Amino acid sequence: MSNNGNNNNNNIMSDITSHEQLMALKYKKKLITTATEQFNTKPSKGVAYLQEMGLIKTPMDPVEVAQFMRTNPHLDKKQLGEYISSRKNLVILEAFVQSFDFAGLRVDESLRMFLETFRLPGEAPLITLILEHYADHWQKSNGDQFANSDAAFTLAYAVIMLNVDQHNKNHTKTNDPMTLDQFRRNLRGTNGGADHDQDMLEEIYHAIRSEEIVMPAEQTGLVKENYLWKCVLKRGLDEVNQGQLLSPSVMFDHDLFTIIWGPAVAALSYVFDMSRINVGGMEMIERALDGFQWCAAIAAHYRMSDVFDNIVSFFVFTTFLKTHNLFIFF
């Protein structure tokens, strides 16, 4: 029994991230942040930086570039769309499209997934280029459900036009929204000379009519927050990030506190100020004071004078220090 326990402990210890590994991950994240900034200015420059820093292979592997674009929610979606639609980057476009799993999804459902990751270029030839690759991948992923890839392309294009027709304010000001019958009529004979399944077209029509296809990264509020949270969850499921546990010791506490003390003090300051001007805010004032006290205690423990000075300065400016004591443990 004790041997099994020792084996389990050894397995756990082998999965614990060491301080050196954590610092290496932190450094890699810094490089990726720099690459992201350069990509958002000029995509080819960002890719070249990734190669220079050894984060992707030289000569370039399109799959690695596609993975970088798929897993990085901070890339500029307009720049990304222009980059993959360039004729010079057809192999990267192919790898990018292939990175999506469209199996079992309707055309509108897969398009919604696809188009939330980048902004379509405004030029019709470039839209056509992207949708041709999309349609070919969708058709193969769904067992050649339609007569050919051209049928999938035509339906995908029709879905995008329907989305504009139903939700673009400039269009709806001067035009009546397309009806279901008009949508069906526009697609007659486009499935290899035959019609698409009419029930499927009705489901697509109502799905687009009730919910616009949008790019969450360019939205605000809950839509964007849900998108970013979904990206975090997706990265958490990545095999590369699995099997790593933080050490139960305190070896990372100083690094973590260095990162969070600024936002923590700012949040406490805001709560404190708002509670002072609201009736019945004494309980929140006391909680904020507790938070300040703990921040100051941790700062004192690690001899982080800048944190301590920041907290003291806040109370000096609010003139609250005169009437309340702040207990600091050294």
Protein backbone atom coordinates (compact mmCIF):
# COMPACT_ATOMS: atom_id res chain seq x y z
CA MET A 1 0.00 0.00 0.00
CA SER A 2 2.80 2.36 0.88
CA ASN A 3 4.53 1.58 -2.41
CA ASN A 4 1.39 2.61 -4.31
CA GLY A 5 1.25 5.79 -2.28
CA ASN A 6 4.87 6.55 -3.07
CA ASN A 7 4.29 5.88 -6.76
CA ASN A 8 1.31 8.23 -6.79
CA ASN A 9 3.35 10.93 -5.06
CA ASN A 10 6.17 10.46 -7.55
CA ASN A 11 3.72 10.78 -10.46
CA ILE A 12 2.29 13.97 -9.00
CA MET A 13 5.72 15.45 -8.39
CA SER A 14 6.76 14.69 -11.97
CA ASP A 15 3.78 16.72 -13.20
CA ILE A 16 4.46 19.74 -11.01
CA THR A 17 5.73 22.76 -12.90
CA SER A 18 9.13 23.79 -11.61
CA HIS A 19 10.12 27.40 -11.13
CA GLU A 20 12.40 27.18 -14.15
CA GLN A 21 9.59 25.79 -16.30
CA LEU A 22 7.25 28.52 -15.15
CA MET A 23 9.80 31.20 -15.98
CA ALA A 24 10.33 29.61 -19.41
CA LEU A 25 6.55 29.68 -20.03
CA LYS A 26 6.45 33.30 -18.89
CA TYR A 27 9.26 34.17 -21.30
CA LYS A 28 7.50 32.33 -24.14
CA LYS A 29 4.30 34.26 -23.41
CA LYS A 30 6.27 37.50 -23.61
CA LEU A 31 7.62 36.48 -27.02
CA ILE A 32 4.12 35.61 -28.23
CA THR A 33 2.84 38.98 -27.01
CA THR A 34 5.56 40.73 -29.01
CA ALA A 35 4.78 38.58 -32.06
CA THR A 36 1.10 39.47 -31.68
CA GLU A 37 1.86 43.20 -31.62
CA GLN A 38 3.99 42.87 -34.76
CA PHE A 39 1.37 40.71 -36.49
CA ASN A 40 -1.28 43.34 -35.77
CA THR A 41 0.93 45.93 -37.48
CA LYS A 42 2.08 43.74 -40.36
CA PRO A 43 1.24 39.99 -40.32
CA SER A 44 4.31 38.86 -42.25
CA LYS A 45 6.49 40.70 -39.72
CA GLY A 46 4.84 38.85 -36.83
CA VAL A 47 5.33 35.46 -38.52
CA ALA A 48 8.98 36.29 -39.24
CA TYR A 49 9.47 37.18 -35.55
CA LEU A 50 8.01 33.81 -34.51
CA GLN A 51 10.55 32.10 -36.75
CA GLU A 52 13.40 34.28 -35.49
CA MET A 53 12.57 33.39 -31.87
CA GLY A 54 12.28 29.69 -32.69
CA LEU A 55 8.58 29.49 -31.86
CA ILE A 56 7.80 28.09 -35.32
CA LYS A 57 9.96 26.24 -37.81
CA THR A 58 12.14 27.62 -40.58
CA PRO A 59 11.24 27.02 -43.36
CA MET A 60 7.72 27.90 -42.32
CA ASP A 61 5.23 25.18 -41.44
CA PRO A 62 1.73 26.40 -42.46
CA VAL A 63 0.10 24.24 -39.78
CA GLU A 64 2.11 25.99 -37.04
CA VAL A 65 1.15 29.42 -38.38
CA ALA A 66 -2.50 28.37 -38.55
CA GLN A 67 -2.31 27.12 -34.96
CA PHE A 68 -0.89 30.47 -33.84
CA MET A 69 -3.76 32.30 -35.55
CA ARG A 70 -6.42 29.93 -34.21
CA THR A 71 -5.29 29.98 -30.57
CA ASN A 72 -4.45 33.68 -30.21
CA PRO A 73 -7.59 35.75 -29.47
CA HIS A 74 -5.58 39.00 -29.41
CA LEU A 75 -4.74 39.07 -33.11
CA ASP A 76 -6.30 41.86 -35.15
CA LYS A 77 -9.16 40.15 -37.03
CA LYS A 78 -8.95 42.48 -40.02
CA GLN A 79 -5.21 41.89 -40.45
CA LEU A 80 -5.74 38.15 -40.08
CA GLY A 81 -8.40 38.14 -42.80
CA GLU A 82 -6.19 40.08 -45.18
CA TYR A 83 -3.24 37.79 -44.48
CA ILE A 84 -4.99 34.47 -45.17
CA SER A 85 -6.75 35.84 -48.26
CA SER A 86 -3.50 36.91 -49.93
CA ARG A 87 -2.62 34.81 -52.99
CA LYS A 88 0.90 34.51 -51.57
CA ASN A 89 -0.43 32.66 -48.53
CA LEU A 90 -2.66 29.99 -50.08
CA VAL A 91 -0.94 27.16 -48.17
CA ILE A 92 -1.56 29.03 -44.89
CA LEU A 93 -5.21 29.59 -45.86
CA GLU A 94 -5.55 25.88 -46.56
CA ALA A 95 -3.99 24.95 -43.20
CA PHE A 96 -6.15 27.54 -41.40
CA VAL A 97 -9.38 26.17 -42.90
CA GLN A 98 -8.30 22.58 -42.24
CA SER A 99 -7.86 23.40 -38.54
CA PHE A 100 -11.66 23.62 -38.13
CA ASP A 101 -13.82 20.59 -37.39
CA PHE A 102 -17.01 21.05 -39.43
CA ALA A 103 -18.23 17.45 -39.16
CA GLY A 104 -21.94 17.23 -38.33
CA LEU A 105 -22.53 20.98 -38.61
CA ARG A 106 -24.92 22.72 -40.99
CA VAL A 107 -23.40 25.26 -43.34
CA ASP A 108 -24.64 28.20 -41.27
CA GLU A 109 -23.40 26.66 -38.02
CA SER A 110 -19.91 26.02 -39.38
CA LEU A 111 -19.82 29.48 -41.00
CA ARG A 112 -20.67 31.04 -37.65
CA MET A 113 -17.74 29.20 -36.08
CA PHE A 114 -15.45 30.06 -39.00
CA LEU A 115 -16.26 33.75 -39.34
CA GLU A 116 -15.89 34.57 -35.64
CA THR A 117 -12.13 34.08 -35.97
CA PHE A 118 -11.37 36.75 -38.60
CA ARG A 119 -12.92 39.58 -40.60
CA LEU A 120 -13.79 38.81 -44.20
CA PRO A 121 -12.05 41.16 -46.65
CA GLY A 122 -14.30 43.62 -48.47
CA GLU A 123 -13.29 42.59 -51.99
CA ALA A 124 -15.54 39.99 -53.64
CA PRO A 125 -12.65 38.00 -55.23
CA LEU A 126 -11.02 37.55 -51.82
CA ILE A 127 -14.30 36.50 -50.21
CA THR A 128 -14.71 33.98 -53.02
CA LEU A 129 -11.22 32.61 -52.46
CA ILE A 130 -11.81 32.04 -48.75
CA LEU A 131 -15.26 30.52 -49.25
CA GLU A 132 -13.98 28.12 -51.92
CA HIS A 133 -11.52 26.66 -49.41
CA TYR A 134 -14.20 26.65 -46.71
CA ALA A 135 -16.76 24.91 -48.93
CA ASP A 136 -14.33 22.23 -50.05
CA HIS A 137 -13.39 21.41 -46.46
CA TRP A 138 -17.04 21.44 -45.31
CA GLN A 139 -18.08 19.11 -48.12
CA LYS A 140 -15.33 16.59 -47.32
CA SER A 141 -15.98 16.86 -43.56
CA ASN A 142 -19.64 15.95 -44.05
CA GLY A 143 -19.31 12.96 -46.35
CA ASP A 144 -20.06 14.82 -49.60
CA GLN A 145 -23.53 15.73 -48.34
CA PHE A 146 -24.19 17.99 -51.33
CA ALA A 147 -23.75 17.23 -55.01
CA ASN A 148 -20.35 18.95 -55.07
CA SER A 149 -18.25 21.63 -53.40
CA ASP A 150 -19.78 24.28 -55.67
CA ALA A 151 -23.15 23.61 -54.04
CA ALA A 152 -21.65 24.15 -50.58
CA PHE A 153 -19.93 27.32 -51.81
CA THR A 154 -23.16 28.75 -53.26
CA LEU A 155 -25.11 28.02 -50.09
CA ALA A 156 -22.37 29.54 -47.90
CA TYR A 157 -22.34 32.70 -50.01
CA ALA A 158 -26.15 32.85 -49.81
CA VAL A 159 -25.97 32.58 -46.00
CA ILE A 160 -23.55 35.52 -45.82
CA MET A 161 -25.81 37.60 -48.07
CA LEU A 162 -28.83 36.62 -45.96
CA ASN A 163 -26.98 37.72 -42.83
CA VAL A 164 -26.33 41.15 -44.40
CA ASP A 165 -29.90 41.36 -45.70
CA GLN A 166 -31.43 40.66 -42.29
CA HIS A 167 -29.12 42.61 -40.00
CA ASN A 168 -27.23 45.36 -41.86
CA LYS A 169 -28.87 48.65 -40.83
CA ASN A 170 -27.91 50.48 -44.01
CA HIS A 171 -29.44 47.72 -46.12
CA THR A 172 -32.64 47.38 -44.09
CA LYS A 173 -33.27 51.14 -44.25
CA THR A 174 -33.98 51.01 -47.98
CA ASN A 175 -34.93 47.37 -48.53
CA ASP A 176 -37.44 44.94 -47.08
CA PRO A 177 -35.80 41.90 -45.47
CA MET A 178 -35.68 38.77 -47.62
CA THR A 179 -38.47 36.27 -46.97
CA LEU A 180 -38.05 32.52 -46.61
CA ASP A 181 -39.62 31.93 -50.02
CA GLN A 182 -37.21 34.39 -51.64
CA PHE A 183 -34.26 32.69 -49.93
CA ARG A 184 -35.40 29.30 -51.21
CA ARG A 185 -36.06 30.67 -54.69
CA ASN A 186 -32.56 32.16 -54.91
CA LEU A 187 -31.08 28.71 -54.28
CA ARG A 188 -33.16 26.69 -56.73
CA GLY A 189 -31.13 24.28 -58.82
CA THR A 190 -27.83 25.11 -57.09
CA ASN A 191 -27.25 21.62 -55.69
CA GLY A 192 -25.77 20.07 -58.81
CA GLY A 193 -28.85 21.10 -60.83
CA ALA A 194 -31.24 19.95 -58.11
CA ASP A 195 -32.68 21.76 -55.08
CA HIS A 196 -31.33 21.70 -51.55
CA ASP A 197 -33.39 20.09 -48.81
CA GLN A 198 -36.16 22.61 -48.13
CA ASP A 199 -36.42 21.88 -44.41
CA MET A 200 -32.68 22.52 -44.06
CA LEU A 201 -33.03 25.86 -45.87
CA GLU A 202 -35.86 26.84 -43.54
CA GLU A 203 -33.76 26.00 -40.48
CA ILE A 204 -30.86 28.03 -41.86
CA TYR A 205 -33.10 30.98 -42.68
CA HIS A 206 -34.63 31.17 -39.20
CA ALA A 207 -31.25 30.64 -37.49
CA ILE A 208 -29.75 33.62 -39.33
CA ARG A 209 -32.86 35.76 -38.97
CA SER A 210 -32.99 35.23 -35.19
CA GLU A 211 -29.25 35.52 -34.52
CA GLU A 212 -26.79 37.56 -36.58
CA ILE A 213 -23.41 36.11 -37.45
CA VAL A 214 -21.03 38.50 -35.69
CA MET A 215 -17.35 38.65 -34.84
CA PRO A 216 -17.33 38.50 -31.01
CA ALA A 217 -13.82 39.96 -30.71
CA GLU A 218 -15.06 43.21 -32.28
CA GLN A 219 -18.16 43.39 -30.09
CA THR A 220 -18.47 44.82 -26.59
CA GLY A 221 -19.94 43.65 -23.32
CA LEU A 222 -21.14 40.10 -22.71
CA VAL A 223 -20.70 38.92 -26.31
CA LYS A 224 -16.98 39.67 -26.27
CA GLU A 225 -16.50 38.41 -22.72
CA ASN A 226 -18.14 35.07 -23.55
CA TYR A 227 -15.94 34.73 -26.62
CA LEU A 228 -12.73 35.40 -24.68
CA TRP A 229 -13.81 32.98 -21.94
CA LYS A 230 -14.47 30.32 -24.58
CA CYS A 231 -10.94 30.90 -25.92
CA VAL A 232 -9.52 30.40 -22.42
CA LEU A 233 -11.45 27.15 -21.99
CA LYS A 234 -10.27 25.95 -25.40
CA ARG A 235 -6.64 26.61 -24.52
CA GLY A 236 -7.19 24.79 -21.22
CA LEU A 237 -8.26 21.67 -23.13
CA ASP A 238 -5.18 21.79 -25.34
CA GLU A 239 -2.98 18.73 -24.83
CA VAL A 240 0.06 20.99 -24.52
CA ASN A 241 -1.42 22.57 -21.38
CA GLN A 242 -2.59 19.37 -19.70
CA GLY A 243 -0.89 17.47 -16.91
CA GLN A 244 0.75 20.47 -15.24
CA LEU A 245 0.11 21.28 -11.60
CA LEU A 246 1.31 24.27 -9.68
CA SER A 247 3.49 23.44 -6.72
CA PRO A 248 1.66 23.48 -3.37
CA SER A 249 4.63 25.38 -1.93
CA VAL A 250 4.97 29.18 -1.90
CA MET A 251 7.69 29.39 -4.54
CA PHE A 252 5.45 31.30 -6.97
CA ASP A 253 3.70 33.57 -4.47
CA HIS A 254 6.05 36.52 -4.97
CA ASP A 255 5.71 36.36 -8.77
CA LEU A 256 1.93 36.10 -8.55
CA PHE A 257 1.62 38.98 -6.09
CA THR A 258 3.86 41.12 -8.31
CA ILE A 259 1.33 40.63 -11.12
CA ILE A 260 -1.91 41.11 -9.17
CA TRP A 261 -1.15 43.76 -6.55
CA GLY A 262 -1.80 46.71 -8.90
CA PRO A 263 -5.27 45.60 -10.06
CA ALA A 264 -6.11 44.45 -6.52
CA VAL A 265 -5.26 47.81 -4.92
CA ALA A 266 -7.10 49.66 -7.70
CA ALA A 267 -10.22 47.53 -7.14
CA LEU A 268 -10.08 48.01 -3.37
CA SER A 269 -9.64 51.77 -3.83
CA TYR A 270 -12.70 51.95 -6.07
CA VAL A 271 -14.85 49.94 -3.65
CA PHE A 272 -13.62 52.09 -0.76
CA ASP A 273 -14.42 55.38 -2.53
CA MET A 274 -17.87 54.24 -3.69
CA SER A 275 -18.76 52.89 -0.26
CA ARG A 276 -17.88 56.20 1.42
CA ILE A 277 -20.47 58.11 -0.60
CA ASN A 278 -23.21 55.49 -0.34
CA VAL A 279 -25.56 55.15 2.61
CA GLY A 280 -24.98 51.91 4.47
CA GLY A 281 -21.56 51.37 2.96
CA MET A 282 -19.72 50.81 6.25
CA GLU A 283 -19.60 47.03 5.83
CA MET A 284 -17.92 47.38 2.41
CA ILE A 285 -15.50 49.96 3.85
CA GLU A 286 -14.46 47.45 6.50
CA ARG A 287 -13.97 44.73 3.87
CA ALA A 288 -11.90 47.09 1.72
CA LEU A 289 -9.77 47.97 4.76
CA ASP A 290 -9.21 44.26 5.39
CA GLY A 291 -8.09 43.89 1.78
CA PHE A 292 -5.68 46.82 2.08
CA GLN A 293 -4.32 45.38 5.31
CA TRP A 294 -3.60 42.00 3.74
CA CYS A 295 -1.99 43.58 0.66
CA ALA A 296 0.21 45.70 2.88
CA ALA A 297 1.14 42.69 5.02
CA ILE A 298 2.17 40.66 1.97
CA ALA A 299 4.08 43.64 0.56
CA ALA A 300 5.89 44.06 3.87
CA HIS A 301 6.75 40.34 3.94
CA TYR A 302 8.38 40.55 0.51
CA ARG A 303 9.86 44.01 1.21
CA MET A 304 7.95 45.51 -1.74
CA SER A 305 8.12 49.15 -0.71
CA ASP A 306 6.42 50.40 -3.89
CA VAL A 307 3.23 48.52 -2.97
CA PHE A 308 3.36 49.79 0.57
CA ASP A 309 3.91 53.37 -0.62
CA ASN A 310 0.97 53.08 -3.04
CA ILE A 311 -1.41 52.02 -0.27
CA VAL A 312 -0.21 54.70 2.15
CA SER A 313 -0.50 57.37 -0.57
CA PHE A 314 -4.10 56.39 -1.23
CA PHE A 315 -5.05 56.92 2.41
CA VAL A 316 -3.16 60.20 2.58
CA PHE A 317 -5.05 61.53 -0.43
CA THR A 318 -8.40 60.42 0.96
CA THR A 319 -7.55 62.03 4.33
CA PHE A 320 -8.80 58.88 5.98
CA LEU A 321 -5.54 58.02 7.67
CA LYS A 322 -6.16 60.63 10.36
CA THR A 323 -9.09 58.81 11.88
CA HIS A 324 -8.35 55.12 11.25
CA ASN A 325 -5.45 52.84 12.03
CA LEU A 326 -3.99 50.48 9.47
CA PHE A 327 -2.23 47.58 11.14
CA ILE A 328 0.80 46.25 9.25
CA PHE A 329 2.54 43.08 10.29
CA PHE A 330 6.29 42.97 9.75
